Amino acid sequence: MKRTRPAVTAVDVAVDCLAVARMTKLVQEDEFPFGPAREWVLDVFAEAKPAELLRCPYCASMWLGMLAVYARHRWPRAWPLASRVLASSLVAGLVAEWSDRS
């Protein structure tokens, strides 16, 4: 019996977009867990493409977006959970930043 993949809804796409935004912020800005690896890439490849991909949010989000699409296809039960966690983290961080300004 062949398993069918669940249909992807507009809400799934929206949550995945938020997850990609969070992953981009993780890779580009957060110290844990990517800080040392990011600094190493920026030092070793200062003017090369890998460093450019880390500096440009549009570039990084394109690759991370492809990773999210692949993850949804490859792990249809696990990815939605990870995506919700990442999206929740982004929203919570934005709300915290917004409330600190008030």
PDB file of N, CA and C in Angstrom:
ATOM      1  N   MET A   1       0.838  -1.174   0.000  1.00  0.00           N
ATOM      2  CA  MET A   1       0.000   0.000   0.000  1.00  0.00           C
ATOM      3  C   MET A   1       0.889   1.244   0.000  1.00  0.00           C
ATOM      4  N   LYS A   2       0.683   2.093  -0.985  1.00  0.00           N
ATOM      5  CA  LYS A   2       1.500   3.288  -1.127  1.00  0.00           C
ATOM      6  C   LYS A   2       0.955   4.400  -0.238  1.00  0.00           C
ATOM      7  N   ARG A   3       1.872   5.049   0.502  1.00  0.00           N
ATOM      8  CA  ARG A   3       1.473   6.162   1.356  1.00  0.00           C
ATOM      9  C   ARG A   3       1.386   7.431   0.518  1.00  0.00           C
ATOM     10  N   THR A   4       0.364   8.194   0.753  1.00  0.00           N
ATOM     11  CA  THR A   4       0.249   9.471   0.058  1.00  0.00           C
ATOM     12  C   THR A   4       0.720  10.581   0.989  1.00  0.00           C
ATOM     13  N   ARG A   5       1.282  11.591   0.412  1.00  0.00           N
ATOM     14  CA  ARG A   5       1.753  12.735   1.192  1.00  0.00           C
ATOM     15  C   ARG A   5       0.577  13.658   1.488  1.00  0.00           C
ATOM     16  N   PRO A   6       0.569  14.245   2.673  1.00  0.00           N
ATOM     17  CA  PRO A   6      -0.512  15.175   2.982  1.00  0.00           C
ATOM     18  C   PRO A   6      -0.429  16.403   2.076  1.00  0.00           C
ATOM     19  N   ALA A   7      -1.583  16.962   1.757  1.00  0.00           N
ATOM     20  CA  ALA A   7      -1.618  18.158   0.920  1.00  0.00           C
ATOM     21  C   ALA A   7      -1.007  19.327   1.686  1.00  0.00           C
ATOM     22  N   VAL A   8      -0.308  20.177   0.963  1.00  0.00           N
ATOM     23  CA  VAL A   8       0.295  21.372   1.555  1.00  0.00           C
ATOM     24  C   VAL A   8      -0.719  22.507   1.440  1.00  0.00           C
ATOM     25  N   THR A   9      -1.049  23.108   2.573  1.00  0.00           N
ATOM     26  CA  THR A   9      -2.042  24.177   2.594  1.00  0.00           C
ATOM     27  C   THR A   9      -1.350  25.542   2.582  1.00  0.00           C
ATOM     28  N   ALA A  10      -2.144  26.584   2.433  1.00  0.00           N
ATOM     29  CA  ALA A  10      -1.611  27.949   2.479  1.00  0.00           C
ATOM     30  C   ALA A  10      -1.013  28.248   3.854  1.00  0.00           C
ATOM     31  N   VAL A  11      -1.607  27.700   4.901  1.00  0.00           N
ATOM     32  CA  VAL A  11      -1.064  27.886   6.251  1.00  0.00           C
ATOM     33  C   VAL A  11       0.301  27.213   6.361  1.00  0.00           C
ATOM     34  N   ASP A  12       0.445  26.023   5.785  1.00  0.00           N
ATOM     35  CA  ASP A  12       1.745  25.341   5.783  1.00  0.00           C
ATOM     36  C   ASP A  12       2.809  26.197   5.108  1.00  0.00           C
ATOM     37  N   VAL A  13       2.460  26.782   3.980  1.00  0.00           N
ATOM     38  CA  VAL A  13       3.407  27.628   3.250  1.00  0.00           C
ATOM     39  C   VAL A  13       3.778  28.851   4.090  1.00  0.00           C
ATOM     40  N   ALA A  14       2.790  29.467   4.726  1.00  0.00           N
ATOM     41  CA  ALA A  14       3.055  30.637   5.569  1.00  0.00           C
ATOM     42  C   ALA A  14       3.967  30.278   6.742  1.00  0.00           C
ATOM     43  N   VAL A  15       3.690  29.155   7.393  1.00  0.00           N
ATOM     44  CA  VAL A  15       4.529  28.725   8.519  1.00  0.00           C
ATOM     45  C   VAL A  15       5.939  28.403   8.030  1.00  0.00           C
ATOM     46  N   ASP A  16       6.051  27.762   6.875  1.00  0.00           N
ATOM     47  CA  ASP A  16       7.373  27.472   6.314  1.00  0.00           C
ATOM     48  C   ASP A  16       8.128  28.764   6.011  1.00  0.00           C
ATOM     49  N   CYS A  17       7.441  29.780   5.518  1.00  0.00           N
ATOM     50  CA  CYS A  17       8.092  31.065   5.247  1.00  0.00           C
ATOM     51  C   CYS A  17       8.625  31.689   6.532  1.00  0.00           C
ATOM     52  N   LEU A  18       7.843  31.636   7.587  1.00  0.00           N
ATOM     53  CA  LEU A  18       8.310  32.134   8.877  1.00  0.00           C
ATOM     54  C   LEU A  18       9.499  31.311   9.375  1.00  0.00           C
ATOM     55  N   ALA A  19       9.445  30.001   9.164  1.00  0.00           N
ATOM     56  CA  ALA A  19      10.550  29.127   9.570  1.00  0.00           C
ATOM     57  C   ALA A  19      11.827  29.479   8.806  1.00  0.00           C
ATOM     58  N   VAL A  20      11.702  29.752   7.516  1.00  0.00           N
ATOM     59  CA  VAL A  20      12.868  30.135   6.711  1.00  0.00           C
ATOM     60  C   VAL A  20      13.425  31.473   7.201  1.00  0.00           C
ATOM     61  N   ALA A  21      12.545  32.402   7.547  1.00  0.00           N
ATOM     62  CA  ALA A  21      13.010  33.683   8.084  1.00  0.00           C
ATOM     63  C   ALA A  21      13.793  33.463   9.372  1.00  0.00           C
ATOM     64  N   ARG A  22      13.320  32.576  10.227  1.00  0.00           N
ATOM     65  CA  ARG A  22      14.022  32.290  11.488  1.00  0.00           C
ATOM     66  C   ARG A  22      15.353  31.607  11.221  1.00  0.00           C
ATOM     67  N   MET A  23      15.370  30.641  10.292  1.00  0.00           N
ATOM     68  CA  MET A  23      16.629  29.961   9.970  1.00  0.00           C
ATOM     69  C   MET A  23      17.643  30.954   9.406  1.00  0.00           C
ATOM     70  N   THR A  24      17.181  31.899   8.595  1.00  0.00           N
ATOM     71  CA  THR A  24      18.074  32.910   8.040  1.00  0.00           C
ATOM     72  C   THR A  24      18.677  33.748   9.154  1.00  0.00           C
ATOM     73  N   LYS A  25      17.845  34.149  10.106  1.00  0.00           N
ATOM     74  CA  LYS A  25      18.329  34.936  11.243  1.00  0.00           C
ATOM     75  C   LYS A  25      19.308  34.108  12.092  1.00  0.00           C
ATOM     76  N   LEU A  26      19.001  32.833  12.278  1.00  0.00           N
ATOM     77  CA  LEU A  26      19.908  31.953  13.023  1.00  0.00           C
ATOM     78  C   LEU A  26      21.281  31.896  12.368  1.00  0.00           C
ATOM     79  N   VAL A  27      21.297  31.671  11.075  1.00  0.00           N
ATOM     80  CA  VAL A  27      22.555  31.502  10.351  1.00  0.00           C
ATOM     81  C   VAL A  27      23.327  32.811  10.273  1.00  0.00           C
ATOM     82  N   GLN A  28      22.633  33.935  10.104  1.00  0.00           N
ATOM     83  CA  GLN A  28      23.326  35.199   9.889  1.00  0.00           C
ATOM     84  C   GLN A  28      23.662  35.968  11.163  1.00  0.00           C
ATOM     85  N   GLU A  29      22.864  35.847  12.207  1.00  0.00           N
ATOM     86  CA  GLU A  29      23.026  36.752  13.337  1.00  0.00           C
ATOM     87  C   GLU A  29      23.244  36.076  14.686  1.00  0.00           C
ATOM     88  N   ASP A  30      22.574  34.990  14.948  1.00  0.00           N
ATOM     89  CA  ASP A  30      22.617  34.401  16.287  1.00  0.00           C
ATOM     90  C   ASP A  30      23.986  33.810  16.590  1.00  0.00           C
ATOM     91  N   GLU A  31      24.424  33.997  17.812  1.00  0.00           N
ATOM     92  CA  GLU A  31      25.721  33.476  18.229  1.00  0.00           C
ATOM     93  C   GLU A  31      25.682  31.970  18.451  1.00  0.00           C
ATOM     94  N   PHE A  32      24.610  31.476  19.018  1.00  0.00           N
ATOM     95  CA  PHE A  32      24.505  30.030  19.258  1.00  0.00           C
ATOM     96  C   PHE A  32      23.474  29.466  18.316  1.00  0.00           C
ATOM     97  N   PRO A  33      23.734  28.432  17.605  1.00  0.00           N
ATOM     98  CA  PRO A  33      24.936  27.591  17.588  1.00  0.00           C
ATOM     99  C   PRO A  33      25.881  27.904  16.437  1.00  0.00           C
ATOM    100  N   PHE A  34      25.561  28.930  15.626  1.00  0.00           N
ATOM    101  CA  PHE A  34      26.291  29.125  14.370  1.00  0.00           C
ATOM    102  C   PHE A  34      27.399  30.163  14.418  1.00  0.00           C
ATOM    103  N   GLY A  35      27.562  30.878  15.520  1.00  0.00           N
ATOM    104  CA  GLY A  35      28.540  31.957  15.586  1.00  0.00           C
ATOM    105  C   GLY A  35      29.951  31.563  15.190  1.00  0.00           C
ATOM    106  N   PRO A  36      30.548  30.555  15.825  1.00  0.00           N
ATOM    107  CA  PRO A  36      31.924  30.185  15.466  1.00  0.00           C
ATOM    108  C   PRO A  36      32.059  29.713  14.011  1.00  0.00           C
ATOM    109  N   ALA A  37      31.106  28.939  13.538  1.00  0.00           N
ATOM    110  CA  ALA A  37      31.177  28.463  12.143  1.00  0.00           C
ATOM    111  C   ALA A  37      31.045  29.632  11.175  1.00  0.00           C
ATOM    112  N   ARG A  38      30.131  30.562  11.471  1.00  0.00           N
ATOM    113  CA  ARG A  38      29.937  31.728  10.603  1.00  0.00           C
ATOM    114  C   ARG A  38      31.209  32.578  10.564  1.00  0.00           C
ATOM    115  N   GLU A  39      31.810  32.814  11.732  1.00  0.00           N
ATOM    116  CA  GLU A  39      33.037  33.618  11.772  1.00  0.00           C
ATOM    117  C   GLU A  39      34.162  32.940  10.999  1.00  0.00           C
ATOM    118  N   TRP A  40      34.253  31.619  11.095  1.00  0.00           N
ATOM    119  CA  TRP A  40      35.282  30.882  10.358  1.00  0.00           C
ATOM    120  C   TRP A  40      35.083  31.052   8.856  1.00  0.00           C
ATOM    121  N   VAL A  41      33.845  30.877   8.388  1.00  0.00           N
ATOM    122  CA  VAL A  41      33.568  31.025   6.953  1.00  0.00           C
ATOM    123  C   VAL A  41      33.878  32.444   6.504  1.00  0.00           C
ATOM    124  N   LEU A  42      33.488  33.447   7.297  1.00  0.00           N
ATOM    125  CA  LEU A  42      33.738  34.838   6.917  1.00  0.00           C
ATOM    126  C   LEU A  42      35.235  35.156   6.906  1.00  0.00           C
ATOM    127  N   ASP A  43      36.006  34.518   7.792  1.00  0.00           N
ATOM    128  CA  ASP A  43      37.456  34.733   7.798  1.00  0.00           C
ATOM    129  C   ASP A  43      38.140  34.042   6.624  1.00  0.00           C
ATOM    130  N   VAL A  44      37.802  32.783   6.407  1.00  0.00           N
ATOM    131  CA  VAL A  44      38.481  31.987   5.387  1.00  0.00           C
ATOM    132  C   VAL A  44      38.067  32.408   3.973  1.00  0.00           C
ATOM    133  N   PHE A  45      36.800  32.700   3.796  1.00  0.00           N
ATOM    134  CA  PHE A  45      36.276  33.023   2.466  1.00  0.00           C
ATOM    135  C   PHE A  45      35.840  34.485   2.389  1.00  0.00           C
ATOM    136  N   ALA A  46      36.648  35.394   2.887  1.00  0.00           N
ATOM    137  CA  ALA A  46      36.254  36.796   3.056  1.00  0.00           C
ATOM    138  C   ALA A  46      35.605  37.404   1.808  1.00  0.00           C
ATOM    139  N   GLU A  47      36.165  37.184   0.652  1.00  0.00           N
ATOM    140  CA  GLU A  47      35.623  37.791  -0.569  1.00  0.00           C
ATOM    141  C   GLU A  47      34.990  36.768  -1.517  1.00  0.00           C
ATOM    142  N   ALA A  48      34.849  35.537  -1.066  1.00  0.00           N
ATOM    143  CA  ALA A  48      34.333  34.480  -1.934  1.00  0.00           C
ATOM    144  C   ALA A  48      32.821  34.303  -1.745  1.00  0.00           C
ATOM    145  N   LYS A  49      32.233  33.452  -2.544  1.00  0.00           N
ATOM    146  CA  LYS A  49      30.783  33.229  -2.523  1.00  0.00           C
ATOM    147  C   LYS A  49      30.237  32.741  -1.186  1.00  0.00           C
ATOM    148  N   PRO A  50      30.890  31.789  -0.484  1.00  0.00           N
ATOM    149  CA  PRO A  50      30.307  31.355   0.797  1.00  0.00           C
ATOM    150  C   PRO A  50      30.099  32.515   1.774  1.00  0.00           C
ATOM    151  N   ALA A  51      31.037  33.440   1.838  1.00  0.00           N
ATOM    152  CA  ALA A  51      30.889  34.584   2.739  1.00  0.00           C
ATOM    153  C   ALA A  51      29.759  35.493   2.255  1.00  0.00           C
ATOM    154  N   GLU A  52      29.656  35.670   0.960  1.00  0.00           N
ATOM    155  CA  GLU A  52      28.575  36.500   0.397  1.00  0.00           C
ATOM    156  C   GLU A  52      27.214  35.891   0.725  1.00  0.00           C
ATOM    157  N   LEU A  53      27.123  34.573   0.655  1.00  0.00           N
ATOM    158  CA  LEU A  53      25.856  33.905   0.979  1.00  0.00           C
ATOM    159  C   LEU A  53      25.474  34.116   2.444  1.00  0.00           C
ATOM    160  N   LEU A  54      26.458  34.232   3.316  1.00  0.00           N
ATOM    161  CA  LEU A  54      26.165  34.470   4.733  1.00  0.00           C
ATOM    162  C   LEU A  54      25.790  35.925   5.010  1.00  0.00           C
ATOM    163  N   ARG A  55      26.312  36.843   4.228  1.00  0.00           N
ATOM    164  CA  ARG A  55      26.026  38.261   4.457  1.00  0.00           C
ATOM    165  C   ARG A  55      24.695  38.711   3.852  1.00  0.00           C
ATOM    166  N   CYS A  56      24.297  38.118   2.770  1.00  0.00           N
ATOM    167  CA  CYS A  56      23.111  38.547   2.025  1.00  0.00           C
ATOM    168  C   CYS A  56      21.881  37.754   2.492  1.00  0.00           C
ATOM    169  N   PRO A  57      20.900  38.439   3.117  1.00  0.00           N
ATOM    170  CA  PRO A  57      19.731  37.695   3.595  1.00  0.00           C
ATOM    171  C   PRO A  57      18.911  37.079   2.458  1.00  0.00           C
ATOM    172  N   TYR A  58      18.905  37.723   1.300  1.00  0.00           N
ATOM    173  CA  TYR A  58      18.167  37.167   0.167  1.00  0.00           C
ATOM    174  C   TYR A  58      18.822  35.893  -0.339  1.00  0.00           C
ATOM    175  N   CYS A  59      20.155  35.892  -0.383  1.00  0.00           N
ATOM    176  CA  CYS A  59      20.885  34.700  -0.832  1.00  0.00           C
ATOM    177  C   CYS A  59      20.696  33.542   0.152  1.00  0.00           C
ATOM    178  N   ALA A  60      20.914  33.832   1.428  1.00  0.00           N
ATOM    179  CA  ALA A  60      20.795  32.778   2.445  1.00  0.00           C
ATOM    180  C   ALA A  60      19.380  32.232   2.491  1.00  0.00           C
ATOM    181  N   SER A  61      18.386  33.113   2.419  1.00  0.00           N
ATOM    182  CA  SER A  61      17.001  32.641   2.517  1.00  0.00           C
ATOM    183  C   SER A  61      16.598  31.816   1.303  1.00  0.00           C
ATOM    184  N   MET A  62      17.193  32.075   0.151  1.00  0.00           N
ATOM    185  CA  MET A  62      16.893  31.264  -1.038  1.00  0.00           C
ATOM    186  C   MET A  62      17.326  29.819  -0.810  1.00  0.00           C
ATOM    187  N   TRP A  63      18.562  29.638  -0.314  1.00  0.00           N
ATOM    188  CA  TRP A  63      19.066  28.286  -0.070  1.00  0.00           C
ATOM    189  C   TRP A  63      18.318  27.617   1.069  1.00  0.00           C
ATOM    190  N   LEU A  64      18.030  28.367   2.110  1.00  0.00           N
ATOM    191  CA  LEU A  64      17.291  27.798   3.236  1.00  0.00           C
ATOM    192  C   LEU A  64      15.846  27.502   2.850  1.00  0.00           C
ATOM    193  N   GLY A  65      15.283  28.300   1.962  1.00  0.00           N
ATOM    194  CA  GLY A  65      13.939  28.023   1.452  1.00  0.00           C
ATOM    195  C   GLY A  65      13.897  26.718   0.668  1.00  0.00           C
ATOM    196  N   MET A  66      14.934  26.500  -0.136  1.00  0.00           N
ATOM    197  CA  MET A  66      15.004  25.225  -0.865  1.00  0.00           C
ATOM    198  C   MET A  66      15.132  24.062   0.107  1.00  0.00           C
ATOM    199  N   LEU A  67      15.891  24.266   1.170  1.00  0.00           N
ATOM    200  CA  LEU A  67      16.024  23.233   2.202  1.00  0.00           C
ATOM    201  C   LEU A  67      14.668  22.953   2.857  1.00  0.00           C
ATOM    202  N   ALA A  68      13.887  23.984   3.117  1.00  0.00           N
ATOM    203  CA  ALA A  68      12.565  23.808   3.730  1.00  0.00           C
ATOM    204  C   ALA A  68      11.619  23.044   2.801  1.00  0.00           C
ATOM    205  N   VAL A  69      11.639  23.378   1.525  1.00  0.00           N
ATOM    206  CA  VAL A  69      10.782  22.665   0.560  1.00  0.00           C
ATOM    207  C   VAL A  69      11.195  21.194   0.492  1.00  0.00           C
ATOM    208  N   TYR A  70      12.500  20.950   0.448  1.00  0.00           N
ATOM    209  CA  TYR A  70      12.980  19.571   0.427  1.00  0.00           C
ATOM    210  C   TYR A  70      12.576  18.836   1.700  1.00  0.00           C
ATOM    211  N   ALA A  71      12.735  19.503   2.856  1.00  0.00           N
ATOM    212  CA  ALA A  71      12.402  18.870   4.137  1.00  0.00           C
ATOM    213  C   ALA A  71      10.917  18.513   4.196  1.00  0.00           C
ATOM    214  N   ARG A  72      10.061  19.392   3.692  1.00  0.00           N
ATOM    215  CA  ARG A  72       8.620  19.099   3.705  1.00  0.00           C
ATOM    216  C   ARG A  72       8.324  17.881   2.828  1.00  0.00           C
ATOM    217  N   HIS A  73       9.019  17.764   1.710  1.00  0.00           N
ATOM    218  CA  HIS A  73       8.815  16.627   0.809  1.00  0.00           C
ATOM    219  C   HIS A  73       9.421  15.339   1.389  1.00  0.00           C
ATOM    220  N   ARG A  74      10.626  15.456   1.939  1.00  0.00           N
ATOM    221  CA  ARG A  74      11.364  14.273   2.395  1.00  0.00           C
ATOM    222  C   ARG A  74      10.873  13.742   3.735  1.00  0.00           C
ATOM    223  N   TRP A  75      10.524  14.644   4.650  1.00  0.00           N
ATOM    224  CA  TRP A  75      10.078  14.262   5.995  1.00  0.00           C
ATOM    225  C   TRP A  75       8.713  14.891   6.282  1.00  0.00           C
ATOM    226  N   PRO A  76       7.665  14.394   5.636  1.00  0.00           N
ATOM    227  CA  PRO A  76       6.353  15.041   5.752  1.00  0.00           C
ATOM    228  C   PRO A  76       5.739  15.009   7.149  1.00  0.00           C
ATOM    229  N   ARG A  77       6.233  14.158   8.031  1.00  0.00           N
ATOM    230  CA  ARG A  77       5.710  14.148   9.407  1.00  0.00           C
ATOM    231  C   ARG A  77       6.593  14.953  10.354  1.00  0.00           C
ATOM    232  N   ALA A  78       7.886  14.940  10.131  1.00  0.00           N
ATOM    233  CA  ALA A  78       8.805  15.629  11.041  1.00  0.00           C
ATOM    234  C   ALA A  78       8.947  17.119  10.726  1.00  0.00           C
ATOM    235  N   TRP A  79       9.022  17.466   9.440  1.00  0.00           N
ATOM    236  CA  TRP A  79       9.263  18.861   9.094  1.00  0.00           C
ATOM    237  C   TRP A  79       8.180  19.812   9.613  1.00  0.00           C
ATOM    238  N   PRO A  80       6.897  19.489   9.506  1.00  0.00           N
ATOM    239  CA  PRO A  80       5.900  20.437  10.021  1.00  0.00           C
ATOM    240  C   PRO A  80       6.104  20.780  11.496  1.00  0.00           C
ATOM    241  N   LEU A  81       6.548  19.830  12.290  1.00  0.00           N
ATOM    242  CA  LEU A  81       6.827  20.122  13.701  1.00  0.00           C
ATOM    243  C   LEU A  81       8.013  21.078  13.834  1.00  0.00           C
ATOM    244  N   ALA A  82       9.084  20.801  13.118  1.00  0.00           N
ATOM    245  CA  ALA A  82      10.259  21.672  13.164  1.00  0.00           C
ATOM    246  C   ALA A  82       9.912  23.058  12.636  1.00  0.00           C
ATOM    247  N   SER A  83       9.129  23.098  11.584  1.00  0.00           N
ATOM    248  CA  SER A  83       8.730  24.371  10.992  1.00  0.00           C
ATOM    249  C   SER A  83       7.922  25.210  11.977  1.00  0.00           C
ATOM    250  N   ARG A  84       7.019  24.576  12.696  1.00  0.00           N
ATOM    251  CA  ARG A  84       6.220  25.305  13.697  1.00  0.00           C
ATOM    252  C   ARG A  84       7.088  25.835  14.822  1.00  0.00           C
ATOM    253  N   VAL A  85       8.062  25.044  15.254  1.00  0.00           N
ATOM    254  CA  VAL A  85       8.969  25.496  16.314  1.00  0.00           C
ATOM    255  C   VAL A  85       9.748  26.728  15.845  1.00  0.00           C
ATOM    256  N   LEU A  86      10.309  26.658  14.642  1.00  0.00           N
ATOM    257  CA  LEU A  86      11.070  27.787  14.113  1.00  0.00           C
ATOM    258  C   LEU A  86      10.191  29.018  13.926  1.00  0.00           C
ATOM    259  N   ALA A  87       8.989  28.825  13.378  1.00  0.00           N
ATOM    260  CA  ALA A  87       8.068  29.950  13.169  1.00  0.00           C
ATOM    261  C   ALA A  87       7.656  30.559  14.504  1.00  0.00           C
ATOM    262  N   SER A  88       7.386  29.728  15.485  1.00  0.00           N
ATOM    263  CA  SER A  88       7.019  30.223  16.816  1.00  0.00           C
ATOM    264  C   SER A  88       8.162  31.020  17.435  1.00  0.00           C
ATOM    265  N   SER A  89       9.376  30.547  17.247  1.00  0.00           N
ATOM    266  CA  SER A  89      10.542  31.251  17.760  1.00  0.00           C
ATOM    267  C   SER A  89      10.673  32.629  17.128  1.00  0.00           C
ATOM    268  N   LEU A  90      10.458  32.708  15.828  1.00  0.00           N
ATOM    269  CA  LEU A  90      10.531  34.001  15.140  1.00  0.00           C
ATOM    270  C   LEU A  90       9.473  34.955  15.670  1.00  0.00           C
ATOM    271  N   VAL A  91       8.241  34.487  15.731  1.00  0.00           N
ATOM    272  CA  VAL A  91       7.143  35.350  16.193  1.00  0.00           C
ATOM    273  C   VAL A  91       7.377  35.795  17.636  1.00  0.00           C
ATOM    274  N   ALA A  92       7.796  34.890  18.494  1.00  0.00           N
ATOM    275  CA  ALA A  92       8.053  35.243  19.890  1.00  0.00           C
ATOM    276  C   ALA A  92       9.175  36.275  19.989  1.00  0.00           C
ATOM    277  N   GLY A  93      10.216  36.112  19.213  1.00  0.00           N
ATOM    278  CA  GLY A  93      11.313  37.076  19.218  1.00  0.00           C
ATOM    279  C   GLY A  93      10.874  38.446  18.737  1.00  0.00           C
ATOM    280  N   LEU A  94      10.072  38.472  17.683  1.00  0.00           N
ATOM    281  CA  LEU A  94       9.580  39.748  17.163  1.00  0.00           C
ATOM    282  C   LEU A  94       8.654  40.438  18.162  1.00  0.00           C
ATOM    283  N   VAL A  95       7.795  39.669  18.809  1.00  0.00           N
ATOM    284  CA  VAL A  95       6.896  40.235  19.821  1.00  0.00           C
ATOM    285  C   VAL A  95       7.713  40.780  20.987  1.00  0.00           C
ATOM    286  N   ALA A  96       8.744  40.058  21.407  1.00  0.00           N
ATOM    287  CA  ALA A  96       9.589  40.528  22.497  1.00  0.00           C
ATOM    288  C   ALA A  96      10.296  41.832  22.125  1.00  0.00           C
ATOM    289  N   GLU A  97      10.827  41.895  20.914  1.00  0.00           N
ATOM    290  CA  GLU A  97      11.475  43.134  20.449  1.00  0.00           C
ATOM    291  C   GLU A  97      10.461  44.277  20.419  1.00  0.00           C
ATOM    292  N   TRP A  98       9.291  44.008  19.907  1.00  0.00           N
ATOM    293  CA  TRP A  98       8.247  45.034  19.789  1.00  0.00           C
ATOM    294  C   TRP A  98       7.807  45.518  21.176  1.00  0.00           C
ATOM    295  N   SER A  99       7.638  44.589  22.110  1.00  0.00           N
ATOM    296  CA  SER A  99       7.184  44.977  23.455  1.00  0.00           C
ATOM    297  C   SER A  99       8.270  45.737  24.218  1.00  0.00           C
ATOM    298  N   ASP A 100       9.550  45.469  23.918  1.00  0.00           N
ATOM    299  CA  ASP A 100      10.640  46.209  24.562  1.00  0.00           C
ATOM    300  C   ASP A 100      10.681  47.670  24.110  1.00  0.00           C
ATOM    301  N   ARG A 101      10.212  47.932  22.905  1.00  0.00           N
ATOM    302  CA  ARG A 101      10.204  49.299  22.373  1.00  0.00           C
ATOM    303  C   ARG A 101       9.067  50.131  22.968  1.00  0.00           C
ATOM    304  N   SER A 102       8.032  49.454  23.432  1.00  0.00           N
ATOM    305  CA  SER A 102       6.853  50.175  23.937  1.00  0.00           C
ATOM    306  C   SER A 102       7.082  50.764  25.295  1.00  0.00           C
TER     307      SER A 102
END
